[in-house]
N, C-alpha and C. Protein backbone atom coordinates (compact mmCIF):
# COMPACT_ATOMS: atom_id res chain seq x y z
N MET A 1 22.75 81.51 -58.40
CA MET A 1 22.13 81.05 -56.99
C MET A 1 21.35 79.66 -57.23
N LYS A 2 20.68 79.81 -58.43
CA LYS A 2 19.83 78.60 -58.79
C LYS A 2 20.59 77.34 -59.06
N SER A 3 21.67 77.82 -59.71
CA SER A 3 22.43 76.72 -60.01
C SER A 3 23.14 75.97 -59.06
N LEU A 4 23.49 76.90 -57.92
CA LEU A 4 24.03 76.28 -56.68
C LEU A 4 23.13 75.37 -56.00
N PHE A 5 21.64 75.85 -55.96
CA PHE A 5 20.80 75.01 -55.30
C PHE A 5 20.64 73.70 -56.27
N ASP A 6 20.90 73.84 -57.61
CA ASP A 6 20.79 72.47 -58.24
C ASP A 6 21.74 71.66 -58.08
N LEU A 7 22.99 72.36 -57.86
CA LEU A 7 23.96 71.20 -57.33
C LEU A 7 23.96 70.79 -56.13
N VAL A 8 23.35 71.37 -55.25
CA VAL A 8 23.18 71.08 -53.81
C VAL A 8 21.92 70.15 -53.78
N LYS A 9 20.94 70.20 -54.33
CA LYS A 9 19.79 69.37 -54.31
C LYS A 9 19.97 67.84 -54.35
N PRO A 10 20.64 67.20 -55.28
CA PRO A 10 21.04 65.83 -55.24
C PRO A 10 21.72 65.42 -53.91
N LEU A 11 22.65 66.36 -53.31
CA LEU A 11 23.14 66.11 -51.83
C LEU A 11 22.22 65.79 -50.79
N LEU A 12 21.17 66.77 -51.13
CA LEU A 12 20.29 66.80 -50.07
C LEU A 12 19.36 65.57 -50.07
N TRP A 13 19.14 65.06 -51.36
CA TRP A 13 18.33 63.97 -51.53
C TRP A 13 19.25 62.56 -50.79
N TYR A 14 20.43 62.79 -51.15
CA TYR A 14 21.36 61.57 -50.40
C TYR A 14 21.05 61.58 -49.02
N VAL A 15 21.35 62.65 -48.47
CA VAL A 15 20.95 63.11 -47.24
C VAL A 15 19.98 62.42 -46.47
N ALA A 16 18.74 62.89 -47.23
CA ALA A 16 17.44 62.45 -46.71
C ALA A 16 17.20 60.81 -46.83
N VAL A 17 17.66 60.36 -48.13
CA VAL A 17 17.87 58.86 -48.12
C VAL A 17 18.68 58.30 -46.85
N ILE A 18 19.76 58.70 -46.80
CA ILE A 18 20.66 58.10 -45.66
C ILE A 18 19.86 58.19 -44.35
N GLY A 19 19.17 59.40 -44.09
CA GLY A 19 18.50 59.50 -42.84
C GLY A 19 17.33 58.63 -42.63
N ALA A 20 16.74 58.35 -43.92
CA ALA A 20 15.59 57.50 -43.74
C ALA A 20 16.35 56.07 -43.68
N VAL A 21 17.18 55.64 -44.25
CA VAL A 21 17.83 54.12 -44.09
C VAL A 21 18.32 54.22 -42.48
N VAL A 22 18.77 55.15 -42.01
CA VAL A 22 19.42 55.00 -40.65
C VAL A 22 17.86 54.80 -39.76
N TYR A 23 17.09 55.66 -40.03
CA TYR A 23 15.87 55.60 -39.31
C TYR A 23 15.17 54.16 -39.23
N CYS A 24 15.10 53.72 -40.58
CA CYS A 24 14.55 52.42 -40.62
C CYS A 24 15.43 51.51 -39.82
N ILE A 25 16.66 51.57 -39.85
CA ILE A 25 17.54 50.80 -39.08
C ILE A 25 17.29 50.92 -37.76
N HIS A 26 17.16 51.77 -37.29
CA HIS A 26 16.94 52.04 -35.77
C HIS A 26 15.55 51.48 -35.63
N LEU A 27 14.54 51.67 -36.37
CA LEU A 27 13.28 50.92 -36.03
C LEU A 27 13.25 49.54 -36.13
N ASN A 28 14.15 49.01 -36.95
CA ASN A 28 14.18 47.58 -37.06
C ASN A 28 14.95 47.18 -35.80
N ARG A 29 15.90 47.82 -35.26
CA ARG A 29 16.60 47.57 -34.14
C ARG A 29 15.70 47.33 -32.84
N GLU A 30 14.87 48.27 -32.82
CA GLU A 30 13.75 48.42 -31.70
C GLU A 30 12.98 47.42 -31.86
N ASP A 31 12.60 46.99 -33.16
CA ASP A 31 11.67 46.00 -33.20
C ASP A 31 12.33 44.64 -32.92
N GLY A 32 13.47 44.33 -33.34
CA GLY A 32 14.51 43.11 -32.78
C GLY A 32 14.49 43.23 -31.42
N LYS A 33 14.82 44.23 -30.65
CA LYS A 33 14.78 44.20 -29.17
C LYS A 33 13.66 43.65 -28.82
N ASP A 34 12.55 44.24 -29.02
CA ASP A 34 11.08 43.77 -28.69
C ASP A 34 10.84 42.51 -28.80
N GLU A 35 11.00 42.16 -30.14
CA GLU A 35 10.94 40.66 -30.61
C GLU A 35 11.63 39.42 -29.79
N GLY A 36 13.14 40.01 -29.69
CA GLY A 36 13.97 39.31 -28.63
C GLY A 36 13.54 39.21 -27.24
N TYR A 37 13.16 40.34 -26.74
CA TYR A 37 12.38 40.19 -25.13
C TYR A 37 11.27 39.40 -25.39
N ARG A 38 10.35 39.54 -26.36
CA ARG A 38 9.20 38.66 -26.09
C ARG A 38 9.60 37.14 -26.17
N LEU A 39 10.34 36.91 -27.08
CA LEU A 39 10.96 35.49 -27.34
C LEU A 39 11.48 35.03 -26.17
N GLY A 40 12.56 35.67 -25.63
CA GLY A 40 12.87 35.25 -24.27
C GLY A 40 12.12 34.78 -23.09
N LYS A 41 11.19 35.83 -23.27
CA LYS A 41 10.18 35.72 -22.09
C LYS A 41 9.26 34.40 -22.23
N SER A 42 8.88 34.42 -23.69
CA SER A 42 8.15 33.11 -23.87
C SER A 42 9.02 31.84 -23.70
N GLU A 43 10.20 31.83 -24.16
CA GLU A 43 11.07 30.68 -23.76
C GLU A 43 11.08 30.39 -22.43
N ALA A 44 11.22 31.45 -21.55
CA ALA A 44 11.43 31.47 -20.05
C ALA A 44 10.28 30.65 -19.42
N GLU A 45 9.12 31.25 -19.96
CA GLU A 45 7.78 30.74 -19.25
C GLU A 45 7.45 29.56 -19.73
N ILE A 46 8.07 28.83 -21.01
CA ILE A 46 7.94 27.52 -21.49
C ILE A 46 8.74 26.64 -20.41
N THR A 47 10.02 27.12 -20.25
CA THR A 47 10.99 26.54 -19.18
C THR A 47 10.47 26.26 -17.95
N VAL A 48 9.95 27.37 -17.43
CA VAL A 48 9.34 27.35 -16.14
C VAL A 48 8.06 26.43 -16.09
N ALA A 49 7.41 26.34 -17.21
CA ALA A 49 6.01 25.43 -17.23
C ALA A 49 6.68 23.99 -17.00
N VAL A 50 7.58 23.81 -17.83
CA VAL A 50 8.36 22.33 -18.02
C VAL A 50 8.65 21.90 -16.64
N LEU A 51 9.49 22.90 -16.01
CA LEU A 51 10.23 22.46 -14.61
C LEU A 51 8.84 22.10 -13.60
N ARG A 52 7.96 23.08 -13.63
CA ARG A 52 6.82 22.81 -12.72
C ARG A 52 6.17 21.54 -12.97
N GLN A 53 5.85 21.08 -14.30
CA GLN A 53 5.18 19.91 -14.74
C GLN A 53 6.22 18.64 -14.01
N GLU A 54 7.74 18.78 -14.29
CA GLU A 54 8.46 17.74 -14.19
C GLU A 54 8.26 17.44 -12.48
N TYR A 55 8.30 18.78 -11.71
CA TYR A 55 8.30 18.72 -10.23
C TYR A 55 7.00 18.25 -9.78
N ALA A 56 5.87 18.53 -10.47
CA ALA A 56 4.53 18.06 -9.95
C ALA A 56 4.50 16.37 -10.21
N VAL A 57 5.28 15.99 -11.37
CA VAL A 57 5.06 14.61 -11.53
C VAL A 57 6.13 13.84 -10.63
N GLU A 58 7.34 14.20 -10.34
CA GLU A 58 8.20 13.67 -9.24
C GLU A 58 7.63 13.78 -7.97
N LYS A 59 6.66 14.87 -7.47
CA LYS A 59 6.13 14.86 -6.32
C LYS A 59 5.03 13.94 -6.26
N GLN A 60 4.34 13.75 -7.33
CA GLN A 60 3.30 12.56 -7.37
C GLN A 60 3.73 11.21 -7.16
N LEU A 61 5.09 11.02 -7.88
CA LEU A 61 5.58 9.72 -7.89
C LEU A 61 6.12 9.32 -6.65
N ALA A 62 6.50 10.28 -5.75
CA ALA A 62 7.05 10.27 -4.38
C ALA A 62 5.75 9.97 -3.68
N ALA A 63 4.64 10.65 -3.63
CA ALA A 63 3.73 10.47 -2.84
C ALA A 63 2.81 9.00 -3.01
N ASP A 64 2.99 8.61 -4.27
CA ASP A 64 2.46 7.22 -4.77
C ASP A 64 3.25 6.20 -4.11
N ALA A 65 4.62 6.37 -4.19
CA ALA A 65 5.55 5.52 -3.54
C ALA A 65 5.32 5.35 -1.99
N ALA A 66 5.16 6.58 -1.22
CA ALA A 66 4.97 6.90 -0.01
C ALA A 66 3.56 5.78 0.51
N LEU A 67 2.64 6.30 -0.45
CA LEU A 67 1.52 5.51 -0.11
C LEU A 67 1.59 3.93 -0.27
N GLU A 68 2.15 3.81 -1.28
CA GLU A 68 2.26 2.19 -1.51
C GLU A 68 3.23 1.52 -0.21
N LEU A 69 4.13 2.25 -0.03
CA LEU A 69 4.70 1.77 1.26
C LEU A 69 4.04 1.69 2.44
N LEU A 70 3.21 2.75 2.66
CA LEU A 70 2.31 2.62 4.01
C LEU A 70 1.34 1.46 3.96
N ARG A 71 0.84 1.34 2.61
CA ARG A 71 -0.14 0.16 2.36
C ARG A 71 0.56 -1.08 2.67
N ALA A 72 1.90 -1.16 2.57
CA ALA A 72 2.52 -2.50 2.57
C ALA A 72 2.67 -2.74 4.21
N GLU A 73 3.14 -1.61 4.65
CA GLU A 73 3.34 -1.60 5.95
C GLU A 73 2.01 -1.82 6.91
N GLN A 74 1.01 -1.44 6.50
CA GLN A 74 -0.39 -1.92 7.06
C GLN A 74 -0.63 -3.01 6.90
N GLY A 75 -0.51 -3.61 5.72
CA GLY A 75 -0.56 -5.07 5.23
C GLY A 75 0.03 -5.98 6.18
N LYS A 76 1.41 -5.73 6.47
CA LYS A 76 2.26 -6.48 7.37
C LYS A 76 1.57 -6.49 8.72
N SER A 77 1.45 -5.36 9.11
CA SER A 77 0.76 -4.99 10.40
C SER A 77 -0.55 -5.70 10.79
N ASN A 78 -1.37 -5.63 9.50
CA ASN A 78 -2.58 -6.37 9.80
C ASN A 78 -2.38 -8.10 9.92
N GLN A 79 -1.53 -8.32 8.87
CA GLN A 79 -1.55 -9.83 9.02
C GLN A 79 -0.66 -10.46 10.40
N LEU A 80 0.40 -9.41 10.65
CA LEU A 80 0.85 -9.96 12.28
C LEU A 80 -0.29 -9.85 13.38
N ALA A 81 -1.06 -8.62 13.29
CA ALA A 81 -2.24 -8.68 14.34
C ALA A 81 -3.16 -9.91 14.06
N SER A 82 -3.71 -10.13 12.77
CA SER A 82 -4.41 -11.37 12.60
C SER A 82 -3.81 -12.62 13.06
N GLN A 83 -2.41 -12.92 12.86
CA GLN A 83 -1.86 -14.18 13.26
C GLN A 83 -1.62 -14.19 14.85
N LEU A 84 -1.77 -12.89 15.42
CA LEU A 84 -1.69 -12.95 17.02
C LEU A 84 -3.08 -13.16 17.38
N ALA A 85 -3.84 -12.58 16.82
CA ALA A 85 -5.39 -12.81 17.20
C ALA A 85 -5.75 -14.49 17.09
N ASP A 86 -5.24 -14.98 15.98
CA ASP A 86 -5.47 -16.61 15.93
C ASP A 86 -4.69 -17.25 16.79
N SER A 87 -3.52 -16.99 17.35
CA SER A 87 -2.76 -17.38 18.38
C SER A 87 -3.45 -17.50 19.82
N LYS A 88 -3.99 -16.25 19.94
CA LYS A 88 -4.63 -16.00 21.16
C LYS A 88 -5.83 -16.96 21.33
N GLU A 89 -6.65 -16.97 20.22
CA GLU A 89 -7.83 -17.57 20.42
C GLU A 89 -7.77 -19.16 20.27
N THR A 90 -6.50 -19.73 19.57
CA THR A 90 -6.18 -21.17 19.74
C THR A 90 -5.78 -21.40 21.09
N LEU A 91 -4.88 -20.36 21.98
CA LEU A 91 -4.52 -20.47 23.41
C LEU A 91 -5.80 -20.45 24.36
N ARG A 92 -6.66 -19.62 23.86
CA ARG A 92 -8.12 -19.37 24.90
C ARG A 92 -8.88 -20.99 24.68
N GLN A 93 -8.91 -21.31 23.60
CA GLN A 93 -9.52 -22.71 23.23
C GLN A 93 -8.83 -23.64 24.08
N THR A 94 -7.37 -23.75 24.05
CA THR A 94 -6.97 -24.97 25.04
C THR A 94 -6.85 -24.66 26.25
N THR A 95 -7.02 -23.38 26.76
CA THR A 95 -7.33 -23.06 28.29
C THR A 95 -8.60 -23.70 28.71
N ASP A 96 -9.51 -23.36 27.62
CA ASP A 96 -10.93 -23.87 28.17
C ASP A 96 -11.12 -25.22 28.36
N ARG A 97 -10.46 -25.93 27.33
CA ARG A 97 -10.45 -27.49 27.25
C ARG A 97 -9.77 -28.01 28.47
N LEU A 98 -8.60 -27.41 28.65
CA LEU A 98 -7.91 -28.04 30.12
C LEU A 98 -8.53 -27.54 31.42
N THR A 99 -9.07 -26.48 31.37
CA THR A 99 -9.85 -26.21 32.66
C THR A 99 -11.02 -27.00 32.70
N GLY A 100 -11.64 -27.54 31.71
CA GLY A 100 -12.82 -28.55 31.82
C GLY A 100 -12.35 -29.87 32.40
N ASP A 101 -10.99 -30.25 32.06
CA ASP A 101 -10.27 -31.41 32.34
C ASP A 101 -10.06 -31.34 33.89
N ILE A 102 -9.88 -30.42 34.34
CA ILE A 102 -9.36 -30.05 35.94
C ILE A 102 -10.02 -30.90 36.79
N ALA A 103 -11.38 -30.54 36.68
CA ALA A 103 -11.89 -31.20 37.93
C ALA A 103 -12.08 -32.97 37.83
N ARG A 104 -12.08 -33.29 36.55
CA ARG A 104 -12.05 -34.87 36.22
C ARG A 104 -10.56 -35.29 36.90
N VAL A 105 -9.70 -34.68 36.52
CA VAL A 105 -8.23 -35.33 36.82
C VAL A 105 -7.78 -34.91 38.39
N THR A 106 -8.46 -34.04 39.14
CA THR A 106 -8.13 -33.93 40.58
C THR A 106 -9.22 -34.35 41.51
N LYS A 107 -10.07 -35.17 40.95
CA LYS A 107 -10.91 -35.75 41.83
C LYS A 107 -10.86 -37.32 42.17
N LEU A 108 -10.70 -38.18 40.92
CA LEU A 108 -10.57 -39.53 41.08
C LEU A 108 -9.32 -39.79 40.49
N TYR A 109 -8.96 -41.08 41.02
CA TYR A 109 -7.83 -41.71 40.53
C TYR A 109 -8.10 -43.30 40.30
N ARG A 110 -7.22 -44.25 39.60
CA ARG A 110 -7.36 -45.56 39.71
C ARG A 110 -5.86 -46.25 40.34
N ARG A 111 -6.17 -47.14 40.93
CA ARG A 111 -4.66 -47.97 41.33
C ARG A 111 -4.16 -48.61 40.13
N ALA A 112 -4.85 -49.17 39.24
CA ALA A 112 -4.58 -49.87 38.12
C ALA A 112 -5.64 -49.52 36.95
N LEU A 113 -5.21 -50.02 35.89
CA LEU A 113 -6.34 -49.60 34.48
C LEU A 113 -7.57 -50.41 35.03
N ASN A 114 -7.45 -51.57 35.53
CA ASN A 114 -8.70 -52.37 35.82
C ASN A 114 -9.32 -52.13 37.24
N ALA A 115 -8.93 -51.21 37.78
CA ALA A 115 -9.44 -51.10 39.29
C ALA A 115 -10.32 -49.94 39.22
N GLN A 116 -11.46 -49.99 39.91
CA GLN A 116 -12.35 -49.04 40.30
C GLN A 116 -11.79 -47.43 40.84
N PRO A 117 -12.44 -46.33 40.22
CA PRO A 117 -12.00 -45.38 40.59
C PRO A 117 -12.14 -44.77 42.04
N GLU A 118 -11.21 -44.28 42.53
CA GLU A 118 -11.40 -43.83 43.99
C GLU A 118 -11.12 -42.26 44.10
N PRO A 119 -11.64 -41.58 45.32
CA PRO A 119 -11.36 -40.44 45.31
C PRO A 119 -9.78 -40.04 45.53
N LEU A 120 -9.33 -39.06 45.02
CA LEU A 120 -7.92 -38.73 44.79
C LEU A 120 -7.46 -38.22 46.21
N PRO A 121 -6.29 -38.95 46.64
CA PRO A 121 -6.03 -38.30 48.11
C PRO A 121 -5.60 -36.99 48.23
N ALA A 122 -5.76 -36.16 48.99
CA ALA A 122 -5.48 -34.98 49.02
C ALA A 122 -3.89 -34.61 49.04
N ALA A 123 -3.43 -33.78 48.36
CA ALA A 123 -2.05 -33.46 48.38
C ALA A 123 -1.66 -32.12 49.31
N VAL A 124 -0.75 -32.00 49.81
CA VAL A 124 -0.17 -31.09 50.60
C VAL A 124 0.71 -30.26 50.14
N PHE A 125 0.39 -29.05 49.90
CA PHE A 125 1.49 -27.91 49.34
C PHE A 125 1.62 -27.13 50.38
N THR A 126 2.83 -27.05 50.78
CA THR A 126 3.12 -26.24 51.83
C THR A 126 3.45 -24.92 51.41
N VAL A 127 3.49 -23.77 52.43
CA VAL A 127 3.68 -22.43 52.07
C VAL A 127 5.01 -22.15 51.30
N GLY A 128 5.78 -22.85 51.75
CA GLY A 128 7.10 -22.73 50.94
C GLY A 128 7.21 -23.04 49.59
N PHE A 129 6.29 -24.28 49.48
CA PHE A 129 6.19 -24.76 48.08
C PHE A 129 5.41 -23.67 47.13
N VAL A 130 4.21 -23.14 47.72
CA VAL A 130 3.64 -21.81 46.93
C VAL A 130 4.35 -20.74 46.70
N ARG A 131 5.14 -20.55 47.77
CA ARG A 131 6.25 -19.32 47.68
C ARG A 131 7.02 -19.51 46.43
N VAL A 132 7.76 -20.49 46.41
CA VAL A 132 8.51 -20.90 45.38
C VAL A 132 7.98 -20.84 43.78
N TRP A 133 6.69 -21.60 44.00
CA TRP A 133 6.02 -21.83 42.87
C TRP A 133 5.48 -20.32 42.23
N ASN A 134 5.11 -19.52 43.06
CA ASN A 134 4.84 -17.86 42.56
C ASN A 134 6.01 -17.17 42.44
N THR A 135 7.19 -17.25 42.90
CA THR A 135 8.29 -16.70 42.74
C THR A 135 8.74 -16.99 41.33
N ALA A 136 8.82 -18.23 41.07
CA ALA A 136 9.20 -18.80 39.74
C ALA A 136 8.36 -18.33 38.61
N ASN A 137 7.24 -17.97 38.85
CA ASN A 137 6.16 -17.49 38.03
C ASN A 137 6.04 -16.09 37.91
N GLY A 138 7.12 -15.33 38.33
CA GLY A 138 7.13 -13.93 38.57
C GLY A 138 6.04 -13.08 39.38
N ILE A 139 5.43 -13.91 40.39
CA ILE A 139 4.69 -13.40 41.25
C ILE A 139 5.27 -13.13 42.87
N ALA A 140 5.28 -11.94 43.03
CA ALA A 140 5.72 -11.60 44.40
C ALA A 140 5.18 -12.39 45.49
N PRO A 141 6.01 -12.80 46.46
CA PRO A 141 5.27 -13.38 47.72
C PRO A 141 4.48 -12.77 48.30
N ASN A 142 3.28 -13.20 48.89
CA ASN A 142 2.48 -12.58 49.59
C ASN A 142 2.85 -12.49 51.03
N PRO A 143 3.07 -11.22 51.50
CA PRO A 143 3.55 -11.19 52.99
C PRO A 143 2.61 -11.40 53.94
N ALA A 144 1.16 -11.66 53.64
CA ALA A 144 0.18 -11.91 54.85
C ALA A 144 -0.61 -12.99 54.29
N MET A 145 0.16 -14.14 53.80
CA MET A 145 -0.37 -15.39 53.52
C MET A 145 -0.99 -16.00 54.89
N PRO A 146 -2.43 -16.24 54.78
CA PRO A 146 -2.98 -16.91 55.99
C PRO A 146 -2.50 -18.28 56.23
N THR A 147 -2.39 -18.70 57.34
CA THR A 147 -1.80 -19.98 58.10
C THR A 147 -3.37 -20.75 58.00
N PRO A 148 -2.99 -22.07 58.00
CA PRO A 148 -4.14 -22.99 58.03
C PRO A 148 -5.22 -22.53 58.98
N ASN A 149 -4.98 -22.36 60.18
CA ASN A 149 -6.00 -21.62 61.04
C ASN A 149 -6.57 -20.63 60.55
N GLY A 150 -6.14 -19.68 59.66
CA GLY A 150 -6.77 -18.69 59.15
C GLY A 150 -6.49 -17.40 59.94
N SER A 151 -5.55 -17.44 60.78
CA SER A 151 -5.05 -16.35 61.51
C SER A 151 -4.47 -15.04 60.85
N GLY A 152 -4.12 -15.15 59.64
CA GLY A 152 -3.50 -14.30 58.65
C GLY A 152 -2.26 -13.81 59.18
N ARG A 153 -1.63 -14.25 60.18
CA ARG A 153 -0.35 -13.91 60.50
C ARG A 153 0.65 -13.98 59.44
N THR A 154 1.76 -13.18 59.29
CA THR A 154 2.78 -13.24 58.47
C THR A 154 3.76 -14.24 58.55
N PRO A 155 3.89 -15.41 57.89
CA PRO A 155 4.95 -16.51 58.08
C PRO A 155 6.11 -15.94 57.90
N ALA A 156 7.30 -16.53 58.37
CA ALA A 156 8.54 -16.24 58.19
C ALA A 156 8.96 -16.90 56.91
N LEU A 157 9.82 -16.01 56.19
CA LEU A 157 10.15 -16.33 54.83
C LEU A 157 11.35 -17.21 54.81
N ALA A 158 12.04 -17.51 56.05
CA ALA A 158 13.25 -18.33 56.04
C ALA A 158 12.79 -19.91 55.87
N SER A 159 13.66 -20.61 55.11
CA SER A 159 13.40 -22.06 55.25
C SER A 159 14.03 -22.73 56.28
N GLY A 160 13.27 -23.85 56.43
CA GLY A 160 13.91 -25.00 57.60
C GLY A 160 13.02 -25.39 58.47
N THR A 161 13.22 -26.39 59.20
CA THR A 161 12.19 -27.10 59.87
C THR A 161 11.64 -26.06 61.20
N GLY A 162 10.26 -26.24 61.29
CA GLY A 162 9.87 -25.24 62.27
C GLY A 162 9.36 -23.93 61.74
N THR A 163 9.71 -23.50 60.42
CA THR A 163 9.28 -22.25 60.20
C THR A 163 8.01 -22.42 59.42
N ALA A 164 7.46 -21.15 59.09
CA ALA A 164 6.11 -21.17 58.26
C ALA A 164 6.13 -21.70 56.88
N ASP A 165 7.19 -21.87 56.44
CA ASP A 165 7.44 -22.54 55.06
C ASP A 165 6.87 -23.81 55.15
N ASP A 166 7.06 -24.58 56.22
CA ASP A 166 6.81 -26.09 56.22
C ASP A 166 5.14 -26.28 56.63
N LEU A 167 4.27 -25.11 56.84
CA LEU A 167 3.06 -25.28 57.10
C LEU A 167 2.13 -25.63 55.78
N ASP A 168 1.11 -26.21 55.85
CA ASP A 168 0.17 -26.62 54.73
C ASP A 168 -0.45 -25.12 54.39
N SER A 169 -0.21 -24.97 52.83
CA SER A 169 -0.83 -23.61 52.37
C SER A 169 -2.18 -23.65 52.29
N GLY A 170 -2.85 -24.92 52.16
CA GLY A 170 -4.42 -24.99 52.02
C GLY A 170 -4.64 -25.07 50.44
N VAL A 171 -3.53 -24.84 49.48
CA VAL A 171 -3.68 -24.78 48.20
C VAL A 171 -4.18 -26.35 47.74
N THR A 172 -5.07 -26.55 46.97
CA THR A 172 -5.38 -27.87 46.65
C THR A 172 -4.94 -28.01 44.98
N GLN A 173 -4.69 -29.40 44.74
CA GLN A 173 -4.43 -29.79 43.28
C GLN A 173 -5.32 -29.04 42.29
N GLU A 174 -6.53 -28.86 42.41
CA GLU A 174 -7.25 -28.22 41.39
C GLU A 174 -6.78 -26.78 41.49
N GLN A 175 -6.32 -26.02 42.53
CA GLN A 175 -6.38 -24.79 42.42
C GLN A 175 -4.82 -24.35 41.75
N LEU A 176 -3.87 -25.49 42.02
CA LEU A 176 -2.55 -25.49 41.44
C LEU A 176 -2.61 -25.77 39.88
N LEU A 177 -3.33 -26.62 39.56
CA LEU A 177 -3.45 -27.03 38.18
C LEU A 177 -4.15 -25.90 37.43
N THR A 178 -5.30 -25.26 38.07
CA THR A 178 -5.83 -24.06 37.26
C THR A 178 -5.12 -22.95 36.94
N ASN A 179 -4.01 -22.76 38.13
CA ASN A 179 -2.92 -21.58 38.26
C ASN A 179 -2.10 -22.02 36.83
N GLN A 180 -1.75 -23.41 36.92
CA GLN A 180 -0.81 -23.65 35.79
C GLN A 180 -1.37 -23.38 34.18
N VAL A 181 -2.59 -23.69 34.12
CA VAL A 181 -3.11 -23.72 32.88
C VAL A 181 -3.34 -22.16 32.55
N ARG A 182 -3.69 -21.37 33.51
CA ARG A 182 -3.85 -19.88 33.05
C ARG A 182 -2.35 -19.31 32.78
N ASN A 183 -1.46 -19.78 33.58
CA ASN A 183 0.20 -19.43 33.42
C ASN A 183 0.50 -19.89 31.73
N GLY A 184 -0.06 -21.04 31.49
CA GLY A 184 0.40 -21.43 30.22
C GLY A 184 -0.33 -20.68 29.02
N GLU A 185 -1.33 -20.21 28.98
CA GLU A 185 -2.10 -19.50 28.14
C GLU A 185 -1.39 -17.97 27.99
N LEU A 186 -0.80 -17.45 29.20
CA LEU A 186 -0.31 -16.29 29.30
C LEU A 186 1.20 -16.46 28.64
N TYR A 187 1.74 -17.39 29.14
CA TYR A 187 2.96 -17.51 28.46
C TYR A 187 3.09 -17.72 27.05
N GLY A 188 1.83 -18.44 26.41
CA GLY A 188 1.85 -18.58 25.05
C GLY A 188 1.56 -17.52 24.25
N VAL A 189 0.83 -16.35 24.92
CA VAL A 189 0.53 -15.03 24.42
C VAL A 189 1.70 -14.35 24.27
N CYS A 190 2.64 -14.50 25.17
CA CYS A 190 4.08 -13.72 25.30
C CYS A 190 4.76 -14.31 24.28
N ARG A 191 4.73 -15.72 24.17
CA ARG A 191 5.54 -16.14 22.79
C ARG A 191 5.23 -15.77 21.47
N ALA A 192 3.98 -15.74 21.27
CA ALA A 192 3.35 -15.31 20.06
C ALA A 192 3.69 -13.88 19.66
N GLN A 193 3.53 -13.12 20.73
CA GLN A 193 3.76 -11.80 20.65
C GLN A 193 5.47 -11.42 20.22
N LEU A 194 6.17 -12.06 21.00
CA LEU A 194 7.67 -12.06 20.71
C LEU A 194 8.16 -12.60 19.26
N LYS A 195 7.34 -13.59 18.90
CA LYS A 195 7.48 -14.28 17.72
C LYS A 195 7.25 -13.27 16.48
N ASN A 196 6.01 -12.65 16.73
CA ASN A 196 5.52 -11.68 15.93
C ASN A 196 6.28 -10.43 15.88
N LEU A 197 6.85 -10.05 16.95
CA LEU A 197 7.73 -9.00 16.93
C LEU A 197 9.16 -9.31 16.20
N ILE A 198 9.69 -10.33 16.34
CA ILE A 198 10.96 -10.79 15.47
C ILE A 198 10.67 -10.78 13.94
N ASN A 199 9.66 -11.41 13.68
CA ASN A 199 9.38 -11.46 12.35
C ASN A 199 9.22 -10.05 11.86
N TRP A 200 8.61 -9.12 12.48
CA TRP A 200 8.33 -7.92 12.18
C TRP A 200 9.61 -7.06 11.94
N THR A 201 10.56 -7.49 12.84
CA THR A 201 12.02 -6.57 12.76
C THR A 201 12.74 -7.30 11.74
N ARG A 202 12.72 -8.74 11.34
CA ARG A 202 13.29 -9.10 10.49
C ARG A 202 12.86 -8.55 9.07
N ASN A 203 11.71 -8.41 8.90
CA ASN A 203 10.97 -7.99 7.58
C ASN A 203 11.44 -6.39 7.59
N GLU A 204 11.48 -5.54 8.53
CA GLU A 204 12.13 -4.30 8.33
C GLU A 204 13.25 -4.10 7.92
N SER A 205 14.19 -5.01 8.39
CA SER A 205 15.77 -5.03 8.05
C SER A 205 15.94 -5.47 6.69
N LYS A 206 15.13 -5.78 6.04
CA LYS A 206 15.44 -6.35 4.70
C LYS A 206 15.31 -5.11 3.58
């Protein structure tokens, strides 16, 4: 019996050694799985962090570009506004200067350069003249324009001899010239605004 155990004993050792080796391999495989999982997770986290950083950089670059564009547009807008303000100021100065000249150029006149100044003869501007003047300037005709006697009756709009169009409107040369000076300033402002709008549109299309 003892001799049989002696024979089997080495075999048992081999089995034990093989079992130990298999167990160690199993442990190594489990450790490898854990290590692989940790390595994969770490790499994934690094990749996500890099992508987040790249996204943040791209987002910041886009925000900077939008801010720069906004500043450029604001600069253009401020420049156009400044130009328009300068144009308005120039037109206002011209209006003030011409308004100061109105009284002088509508009161006296000379028959010749070496003649003495005389009172300027009154000019007659008919109701029809004023109607055409106002209509040409975009002003609707007044349906209740008073007649010279102040009756306030509505004149006929038809043209021709004997109609209200032929009556004296009572408008003086000074009033007419004042109206023209003011209209000139308004038209100048409109031209300046239109010019700035055209310039802005051209800049936007580039």
